[in-house]
Amino acid sequence: MNAVTVVHPAYPFNGDDFGLFLDQVPGAMVHLGVAEPAAGVHGVPHSPDFAADERAIGIGVRATAGFLSNRLDALA
């Protein structure tokens, strides 16, 4: 069984043209949480002290691949 968690970030997404791009083509944007507060990694994009917990990258890749696989199976 697959589960999806939707998290609404505490800060607004702004200054990004991706929303305008999605007016023209189908797509989606997801937020991959990359923070690790205990290590001082806050993961807020476009901030001067941006850093990411790189362990999140593998999780994001597997989640995206699983999502796309599921969607492609639904089209078959």
Foldseek 3Di string as FASTA:
>chain_A
DDDDDADDDPDDDDPDCVVVVCVPPPDDDHDQAFADVVVPARQDPPDPPHDGNVVSVVVVVVVVVVVVVVVVVVVD
